[in-house]
């Protein structure tokens, strides 16, 4: 196709030249005393064109000759730049391939080539990345001293060269390595140095969450986890499980009632409506010796058992069972209503049985605890505790055979 186009263009040029120059009888006279030269206009035009072509070629040749040293220097710089880039790519390939010693050497070679080439020294980002790769390789090799040295060089170069992306990457990597070193304070300090926009990125929030958990700061970890949840960094099920575990840590870290209330106020509405978190709080109150406060925590959930799932009712029931000592008569209507509404759930039977036993209603309690203890769907701990309660009641009544049977049944539960 290209050949056809050129043939057409040549044909057009030939036609135009024949039309314009074919019947041209004009003459060009050149005076150069004492000479005079007469030329046809056609020959003059052709001569001018040839002269311009020759002059252009001559000028280009002179320019090429004069610029040869510069081009040679540019070629040498380009070759060293390609060599440095190849060394950096090799370092990346070796790093991802798990050959960290080779990756470190390749990264060092890339940086050395750049430093030996004055024209490449201004590329601060390249140098910072080379030092970061070297630092990452040394981190994998557990050489912390040299790793920190390379990291400091990368940060210094990135800050001097205004390489924002490299600086942010260096801070994030440093925080991640601090977490690997179990240095929570250092990790939190590095995350705090991030610009506000970078600190809201998912990776930065993940590092902050890990550092807060490592530093045993469940409140800060919970707030960070909420931000991650808004960024959809977890699946809904994983987010719920994480929030619960962090709420558990926040509750377990408290040592008195005021601290528990303060931690509870820091939870958001969804967490305060979570039956699992409320049950964990009640269990912690019981362990601190406040069963009455634990029952007050469980009362709103017990009053709406019908709105809860089976798993939530089970965990609330087990929490009430632990907090049943000293239960007041105001709970009796609630307990009866629970039995009426959910007669086939052994966890509720176990909890109500223990509550009745605490109130001295041993006849009702024995029937419920025996049904719960015989139900294999109830967990082993609750069944064993039910048998032990039955044994204690039998001993109090003087029924030694029944007590022995209950003790044997409790011991038989794995």
Protein backbone atom coordinates (compact mmCIF):
# COMPACT_ATOMS: atom_id res chain seq x y z
CA UNK A 1 0.00 0.00 0.00
CA UNK A 2 2.83 2.35 0.84
CA UNK A 3 4.46 1.71 -2.57
CA UNK A 4 1.25 2.58 -4.36
CA UNK A 5 1.01 5.87 -2.47
CA UNK A 6 4.60 6.80 -3.37
CA UNK A 7 3.99 5.99 -7.05
CA UNK A 8 0.91 8.21 -7.04
CA UNK A 9 2.83 11.06 -5.40
CA UNK A 10 5.65 10.80 -7.97
CA UNK A 11 3.12 10.83 -10.79
CA UNK A 12 1.50 13.95 -9.37
CA UNK A 13 4.90 15.66 -9.03
CA UNK A 14 5.77 14.74 -12.63
CA UNK A 15 2.51 16.12 -13.94
CA UNK A 16 2.89 19.36 -12.00
CA UNK A 17 6.53 19.78 -13.15
CA UNK A 18 5.64 19.13 -16.78
CA UNK A 19 2.77 21.60 -16.57
CA UNK A 20 4.73 24.39 -14.95
CA UNK A 21 8.17 23.90 -16.49
CA UNK A 22 7.47 22.30 -19.84
CA UNK A 23 6.73 25.54 -21.71
CA UNK A 24 8.82 27.89 -19.56
CA UNK A 25 11.07 30.08 -21.79
CA UNK A 26 12.17 32.42 -18.99
CA UNK A 27 15.85 33.19 -18.45
CA UNK A 28 17.75 34.02 -15.27
CA UNK A 29 20.81 36.24 -15.72
CA UNK A 30 23.52 36.38 -13.06
CA UNK A 31 25.99 39.24 -13.12
CA UNK A 32 29.34 38.81 -11.40
CA UNK A 33 31.68 41.45 -12.90
CA UNK A 34 33.26 40.99 -15.31
CA UNK A 35 31.18 37.85 -15.98
CA UNK A 36 27.61 37.27 -16.97
CA UNK A 37 25.82 33.94 -16.82
CA UNK A 38 22.48 33.27 -18.50
CA UNK A 39 20.49 30.28 -17.23
CA UNK A 40 17.06 29.00 -18.03
CA UNK A 41 14.62 29.37 -15.21
CA UNK A 42 14.13 25.58 -15.09
CA UNK A 43 17.86 24.95 -14.64
CA UNK A 44 18.07 27.68 -12.03
CA UNK A 45 15.21 26.17 -10.02
CA UNK A 46 16.76 22.70 -10.22
CA UNK A 47 20.12 24.15 -9.19
CA UNK A 48 18.64 25.94 -6.20
CA UNK A 49 16.89 22.75 -5.05
CA UNK A 50 20.09 20.71 -5.44
CA UNK A 51 22.08 23.40 -3.60
CA UNK A 52 19.62 23.42 -0.69
CA UNK A 53 19.76 19.62 -0.46
CA UNK A 54 23.55 19.59 -0.47
CA UNK A 55 23.72 22.44 2.06
CA UNK A 56 21.27 20.67 4.38
CA UNK A 57 23.23 17.43 4.16
CA UNK A 58 26.45 19.29 4.87
CA UNK A 59 24.99 21.06 7.90
CA UNK A 60 23.60 17.79 9.25
CA UNK A 61 26.97 16.12 8.79
CA UNK A 62 28.76 18.92 10.64
CA UNK A 63 26.15 18.82 13.41
CA UNK A 64 26.52 15.06 13.74
CA UNK A 65 30.28 15.37 13.91
CA UNK A 66 30.20 18.15 16.49
CA UNK A 67 27.54 16.35 18.62
CA UNK A 68 29.27 12.99 18.59
CA UNK A 69 30.86 13.38 22.06
CA UNK A 70 27.52 14.41 23.55
CA UNK A 71 25.71 11.47 21.96
CA UNK A 72 28.44 9.12 23.12
CA UNK A 73 28.04 10.43 26.65
CA UNK A 74 24.24 10.06 26.46
CA UNK A 75 24.67 6.54 25.16
CA UNK A 76 26.96 5.64 28.07
CA UNK A 77 24.50 7.16 30.57
CA UNK A 78 21.60 5.31 28.95
CA UNK A 79 23.53 2.05 29.09
CA UNK A 80 24.32 2.53 32.79
CA UNK A 81 20.70 3.47 33.43
CA UNK A 82 19.54 0.28 31.71
CA UNK A 83 22.06 -1.70 33.76
CA UNK A 84 20.80 -0.14 36.99
CA UNK A 85 17.17 -0.77 36.02
CA UNK A 86 18.03 -4.38 35.17
CA UNK A 87 19.71 -4.81 38.57
CA UNK A 88 16.64 -3.39 40.33
CA UNK A 89 14.33 -5.73 38.38
CA UNK A 90 16.61 -8.63 39.27
CA UNK A 91 16.39 -7.64 42.94
CA UNK A 92 12.59 -7.65 42.73
CA UNK A 93 12.55 -11.05 41.02
CA UNK A 94 14.95 -12.55 43.57
CA UNK A 95 12.99 -11.03 46.46
CA UNK A 96 9.70 -12.47 45.29
CA UNK A 97 11.47 -15.75 44.59
CA UNK A 98 12.64 -16.01 48.19
CA UNK A 99 16.35 -15.56 47.42
CA UNK A 100 16.88 -12.69 49.80
CA UNK A 101 20.70 -12.66 49.81
CA UNK A 102 20.76 -12.33 46.04
CA UNK A 103 18.01 -9.72 46.17
CA UNK A 104 20.03 -7.66 48.64
CA UNK A 105 23.16 -7.85 46.47
CA UNK A 106 21.24 -6.91 43.31
CA UNK A 107 19.60 -3.93 45.04
CA UNK A 108 22.98 -2.76 46.33
CA UNK A 109 24.42 -3.09 42.84
CA UNK A 110 21.62 -0.97 41.38
CA UNK A 111 22.19 1.77 43.96
CA UNK A 112 25.97 1.66 43.43
CA UNK A 113 25.58 2.08 39.65
CA UNK A 114 23.36 5.09 40.20
CA UNK A 115 25.76 6.69 42.66
CA UNK A 116 28.69 6.20 40.24
CA UNK A 117 26.79 8.00 37.46
CA UNK A 118 26.47 11.76 38.11
CA UNK A 119 23.64 12.10 35.58
CA UNK A 120 21.51 9.56 37.52
CA UNK A 121 22.02 10.93 41.02
CA UNK A 122 18.96 13.16 40.80
CA UNK A 123 16.63 10.15 40.57
CA UNK A 124 15.89 10.02 44.31
CA UNK A 125 12.96 7.67 43.97
CA UNK A 126 15.12 5.03 42.28
CA UNK A 127 17.69 5.19 45.09
CA UNK A 128 14.99 5.05 47.78
CA UNK A 129 13.40 1.99 46.17
CA UNK A 130 16.78 0.29 45.92
CA UNK A 131 17.46 0.84 49.62
CA UNK A 132 13.93 -0.33 50.49
CA UNK A 133 14.44 -3.55 48.55
CA UNK A 134 17.75 -4.09 50.31
CA UNK A 135 16.10 -3.41 53.67
CA UNK A 136 13.25 -5.80 52.91
CA UNK A 137 15.70 -8.55 51.99
CA UNK A 138 17.68 -7.97 55.20
CA UNK A 139 14.44 -8.09 57.19
CA UNK A 140 13.74 -11.53 55.78
CA UNK A 141 17.28 -12.54 56.70
CA UNK A 142 16.69 -11.29 60.29
CA UNK A 143 19.58 -8.82 60.01
CA UNK A 144 17.89 -6.00 61.92
CA UNK A 145 20.90 -3.74 62.30
CA UNK A 146 21.66 -3.49 58.58
CA UNK A 147 17.94 -3.44 57.79
CA UNK A 148 17.44 -0.34 59.94
CA UNK A 149 20.46 1.28 58.31
CA UNK A 150 19.08 0.73 54.82
CA UNK A 151 15.64 1.91 55.93
CA UNK A 152 17.03 5.14 57.35
CA UNK A 153 18.89 5.79 54.10
CA UNK A 154 15.72 5.21 52.09
CA UNK A 155 13.73 7.60 54.30
CA UNK A 156 16.44 10.25 54.18
CA UNK A 157 16.75 10.09 50.38
CA UNK A 158 12.97 10.14 49.87
CA UNK A 159 12.54 13.15 52.17
CA UNK A 160 15.38 15.12 50.53
CA UNK A 161 14.18 14.29 47.03
CA UNK A 162 10.49 14.98 47.78
CA UNK A 163 9.64 11.40 46.72
CA UNK A 164 6.34 11.21 48.58
CA UNK A 165 5.31 7.76 47.39
CA UNK A 166 8.66 6.22 48.36
CA UNK A 167 8.58 7.94 51.76
CA UNK A 168 5.06 6.69 52.48
CA UNK A 169 6.02 3.18 51.41
CA UNK A 170 9.09 3.27 53.65
CA UNK A 171 7.00 4.30 56.68
CA UNK A 172 4.42 1.59 56.05
CA UNK A 173 7.11 -1.06 55.64
CA UNK A 174 8.87 0.14 58.77
CA UNK A 175 5.61 -0.14 60.74
CA UNK A 176 5.02 -3.63 59.39
CA UNK A 177 8.53 -4.70 60.35
CA UNK A 178 8.11 -3.21 63.82
CA UNK A 179 5.00 -5.36 64.28
CA UNK A 180 6.99 -8.40 63.15
CA UNK A 181 9.58 -7.46 65.81
CA UNK A 182 6.75 -7.26 68.41
CA UNK A 183 7.62 -3.58 68.96
CA UNK A 184 4.14 -2.10 69.27
CA UNK A 185 5.28 1.32 70.46
CA UNK A 186 7.57 1.77 67.45
CA UNK A 187 4.83 0.63 65.07
CA UNK A 188 2.29 3.09 66.51
CA UNK A 189 4.87 5.88 66.34
CA UNK A 190 5.55 5.19 62.65
CA UNK A 191 1.86 5.02 61.79
CA UNK A 192 1.36 8.35 63.57
CA UNK A 193 3.99 9.91 61.28
CA UNK A 194 1.92 9.14 58.18
CA UNK A 195 0.10 12.06 56.52
CA UNK A 196 -3.66 12.13 57.24
CA UNK A 197 -4.59 10.89 53.78
CA UNK A 198 -2.18 7.96 53.95
CA UNK A 199 -3.23 7.09 57.51
CA UNK A 200 -6.77 6.44 56.26
CA UNK A 201 -5.66 3.87 53.70
CA UNK A 202 -6.64 0.28 54.32
CA UNK A 203 -3.05 -0.95 54.70
CA UNK A 204 -2.24 1.78 57.23
CA UNK A 205 -5.39 0.98 59.22
CA UNK A 206 -4.55 -2.74 59.20
CA UNK A 207 -1.09 -1.97 60.59
CA UNK A 208 -2.57 0.35 63.21
CA UNK A 209 -5.04 -2.35 64.24
CA UNK A 210 -2.29 -4.95 64.58
CA UNK A 211 -0.09 -2.53 66.55
CA UNK A 212 -2.94 -1.55 68.88
CA UNK A 213 -3.75 -5.19 69.60
CA UNK A 214 -0.07 -5.91 70.17
CA UNK A 215 0.13 -2.96 72.57
CA UNK A 216 -2.99 -4.24 74.38
CA UNK A 217 -5.02 -1.14 73.56
CA UNK A 218 -8.41 -2.71 72.80
CA UNK A 219 -10.23 0.64 72.67
CA UNK A 220 -7.95 2.02 69.97
CA UNK A 221 -8.03 -1.32 68.15
CA UNK A 222 -11.84 -1.30 68.20
CA UNK A 223 -12.01 2.22 66.76
CA UNK A 224 -9.57 1.26 64.02
CA UNK A 225 -11.51 -1.90 63.25
CA UNK A 226 -14.67 0.18 62.80
CA UNK A 227 -12.88 2.32 60.19
CA UNK A 228 -11.71 -0.84 58.42
CA UNK A 229 -15.27 -2.09 58.45
CA UNK A 230 -16.43 1.13 56.77
CA UNK A 231 -13.72 0.60 54.12
CA UNK A 232 -15.13 -2.93 53.60
CA UNK A 233 -11.74 -4.44 54.42
CA UNK A 234 -13.43 -7.55 55.87
CA UNK A 235 -16.36 -9.71 54.99
CA UNK A 236 -19.45 -9.08 57.18
CA UNK A 237 -18.91 -12.31 59.13
CA UNK A 238 -15.20 -11.61 59.67
CA UNK A 239 -15.95 -8.01 60.69
CA UNK A 240 -18.52 -9.17 63.25
CA UNK A 241 -16.12 -11.76 64.68
CA UNK A 242 -13.30 -9.20 64.88
CA UNK A 243 -15.51 -6.61 66.58
CA UNK A 244 -16.63 -9.16 69.13
CA UNK A 245 -13.10 -10.32 69.91
CA UNK A 246 -11.93 -6.72 70.35
CA UNK A 247 -14.93 -5.93 72.54
CA UNK A 248 -14.08 -9.02 74.62
CA UNK A 249 -10.53 -7.72 75.04
CA UNK A 250 -11.81 -4.30 76.07
CA UNK A 251 -14.12 -5.84 78.69
CA UNK A 252 -11.56 -8.30 79.99
CA UNK A 253 -9.04 -5.47 80.49
CA UNK A 254 -11.32 -3.73 83.00
CA UNK A 255 -10.90 -4.20 86.75
CA UNK A 256 -13.87 -2.44 88.34
CA UNK A 257 -17.44 -1.46 87.59
CA UNK A 258 -16.61 2.09 86.52
CA UNK A 259 -14.11 0.83 83.96
CA UNK A 260 -16.66 -1.64 82.62
CA UNK A 261 -19.27 1.10 82.23
CA UNK A 262 -16.71 3.36 80.56
CA UNK A 263 -15.75 0.61 78.12
CA UNK A 264 -19.42 -0.12 77.42
CA UNK A 265 -20.11 3.53 76.61
CA UNK A 266 -17.31 3.47 74.04
CA UNK A 267 -19.06 0.69 72.12
CA UNK A 268 -21.32 1.73 69.27
CA UNK A 269 -25.02 0.88 69.11
CA UNK A 270 -24.54 -2.40 67.24
CA UNK A 271 -21.99 -3.64 69.76
CA UNK A 272 -24.22 -2.73 72.72
CA UNK A 273 -27.04 -4.72 71.11
CA UNK A 274 -24.82 -7.78 70.61
CA UNK A 275 -25.91 -10.57 72.95
CA UNK A 276 -22.47 -12.19 72.87
CA UNK A 277 -20.76 -9.02 74.07
CA UNK A 278 -23.37 -8.49 76.78
CA UNK A 279 -22.94 -12.08 77.96
CA UNK A 280 -19.16 -11.67 78.07
CA UNK A 281 -19.61 -8.49 80.12
CA UNK A 282 -21.94 -10.28 82.54
CA UNK A 283 -19.50 -13.17 82.94
CA UNK A 284 -16.71 -10.70 83.68
CA UNK A 285 -18.87 -8.97 86.30
CA UNK A 286 -19.54 -12.33 87.94
CA UNK A 287 -15.82 -13.07 88.02
CA UNK A 288 -15.28 -9.73 89.78
CA UNK A 289 -17.98 -10.56 92.35
CA UNK A 290 -20.95 -8.52 91.10
CA UNK A 291 -23.66 -11.01 90.07
CA UNK A 292 -26.41 -8.46 90.69
CA UNK A 293 -24.81 -6.05 88.19
CA UNK A 294 -24.38 -8.93 85.76
CA UNK A 295 -28.11 -9.73 85.92
CA UNK A 296 -28.91 -6.05 85.34
CA UNK A 297 -26.75 -6.22 82.21
CA UNK A 298 -28.62 -9.31 80.98
CA UNK A 299 -32.15 -8.16 81.82
CA UNK A 300 -32.79 -6.17 78.56
CA UNK A 301 -31.75 -9.19 76.50
CA UNK A 302 -33.73 -11.63 78.60
CA UNK A 303 -36.85 -9.48 78.20
CA UNK A 304 -36.62 -9.83 74.39
CA UNK A 305 -35.58 -13.45 74.05
CA UNK A 306 -38.03 -13.89 71.19
CA UNK A 307 -36.03 -11.42 69.06
CA UNK A 308 -32.77 -13.29 69.56
CA UNK A 309 -31.41 -16.22 67.58
CA UNK A 310 -30.97 -19.66 69.12
CA UNK A 311 -27.22 -19.10 69.60
CA UNK A 312 -27.83 -15.72 71.24
CA UNK A 313 -30.42 -17.19 73.62
CA UNK A 314 -27.98 -19.95 74.56
CA UNK A 315 -25.16 -17.54 75.41
CA UNK A 316 -27.49 -15.25 77.40
CA UNK A 317 -28.86 -18.27 79.27
CA UNK A 318 -25.39 -19.54 80.20
CA UNK A 319 -24.43 -16.05 81.38
CA UNK A 320 -27.55 -15.88 83.59
CA UNK A 321 -26.75 -19.31 84.98
CA UNK A 322 -23.37 -18.04 86.18
CA UNK A 323 -25.02 -14.94 87.68
CA UNK A 324 -27.89 -16.80 89.38
CA UNK A 325 -26.52 -16.61 92.94
CA UNK A 326 -28.66 -14.22 94.93
CA UNK A 327 -31.26 -13.80 92.18
CA UNK A 328 -34.31 -11.89 93.33
CA UNK A 329 -38.01 -12.78 93.12
CA UNK A 330 -38.56 -10.18 90.40
CA UNK A 331 -36.85 -12.61 88.01
CA UNK A 332 -39.34 -15.45 88.59
CA UNK A 333 -41.95 -14.22 86.05
CA UNK A 334 -39.24 -13.76 83.46
CA UNK A 335 -37.91 -17.27 84.06
CA UNK A 336 -41.36 -18.82 83.79
CA UNK A 337 -42.03 -16.88 80.59
CA UNK A 338 -38.78 -18.15 79.09
CA UNK A 339 -39.70 -21.76 79.86
CA UNK A 340 -43.12 -21.27 78.33
CA UNK A 341 -41.79 -19.61 75.21
CA UNK A 342 -38.87 -21.99 74.57
CA UNK A 343 -39.59 -25.33 76.26
CA UNK A 344 -37.26 -27.36 74.03
CA UNK A 345 -34.02 -25.42 74.56
CA UNK A 346 -31.70 -27.12 77.09
CA UNK A 347 -29.59 -24.02 77.70
CA UNK A 348 -32.63 -22.11 78.94
CA UNK A 349 -33.69 -25.08 81.05
CA UNK A 350 -30.22 -25.22 82.59
CA UNK A 351 -30.19 -21.48 83.35
CA UNK A 352 -33.70 -21.45 84.82
CA UNK A 353 -32.91 -24.60 86.82
CA UNK A 354 -29.87 -22.97 88.38
CA UNK A 355 -31.89 -19.82 89.12
CA UNK A 356 -34.64 -21.85 90.79
CA UNK A 357 -32.01 -23.68 92.83
CA UNK A 358 -30.60 -20.32 93.96
CA UNK A 359 -34.11 -19.34 95.09
CA UNK A 360 -34.53 -22.64 96.97
CA UNK A 361 -37.16 -24.01 94.55
CA UNK A 362 -35.46 -27.40 94.45
CA UNK A 363 -38.38 -29.38 93.08
CA UNK A 364 -38.66 -27.27 89.94
CA UNK A 365 -34.91 -26.93 89.73
CA UNK A 366 -34.27 -30.70 89.86
CA UNK A 367 -36.65 -31.41 87.00
CA UNK A 368 -35.09 -28.76 84.77
CA UNK A 369 -31.47 -29.64 85.60
CA UNK A 370 -32.06 -33.36 85.01
CA UNK A 371 -33.57 -32.59 81.59
CA UNK A 372 -30.66 -30.30 80.72
CA UNK A 373 -28.01 -32.74 81.96
CA UNK A 374 -29.48 -35.56 79.87
CA UNK A 375 -29.58 -33.51 76.66
CA UNK A 376 -26.48 -34.22 74.55
CA UNK A 377 -26.99 -31.01 72.53
CA UNK A 378 -25.93 -28.97 75.56
CA UNK A 379 -22.20 -28.39 75.92
CA UNK A 380 -20.25 -30.60 78.30
CA UNK A 381 -19.38 -27.86 80.79
CA UNK A 382 -23.02 -26.95 81.36
CA UNK A 383 -24.08 -30.61 81.62
CA UNK A 384 -21.33 -31.34 84.16
CA UNK A 385 -22.33 -28.29 86.20
CA UNK A 386 -25.97 -29.39 86.09
CA UNK A 387 -25.04 -32.82 87.50
CA UNK A 388 -22.92 -31.19 90.20
CA UNK A 389 -25.84 -28.96 91.20
CA UNK A 390 -28.08 -32.02 91.35
CA UNK A 391 -25.49 -33.79 93.51
CA UNK A 392 -25.30 -30.83 95.88
CA UNK A 393 -29.09 -30.74 96.26
CA UNK A 394 -29.21 -34.51 96.83
CA UNK A 395 -26.56 -34.27 99.56
CA UNK A 396 -28.48 -31.45 101.20
CA UNK A 397 -31.59 -33.64 101.21
CA UNK A 398 -29.63 -36.64 102.52
CA UNK A 399 -30.16 -38.70 99.35
CA UNK A 400 -26.66 -40.20 99.17
CA UNK A 401 -27.42 -42.65 96.39
CA UNK A 402 -28.84 -39.95 94.17
CA UNK A 403 -25.87 -37.74 94.95
CA UNK A 404 -23.41 -40.51 94.08
CA UNK A 405 -25.23 -41.14 90.81
CA UNK A 406 -25.00 -37.43 89.93
CA UNK A 407 -21.30 -37.31 90.78
CA UNK A 408 -20.63 -40.37 88.60
CA UNK A 409 -22.60 -38.82 85.72
CA UNK A 410 -20.61 -35.57 86.04
CA UNK A 411 -17.30 -37.44 86.04
CA UNK A 412 -18.32 -39.43 82.95
CA UNK A 413 -18.71 -36.28 80.83
CA UNK A 414 -15.53 -35.72 78.82
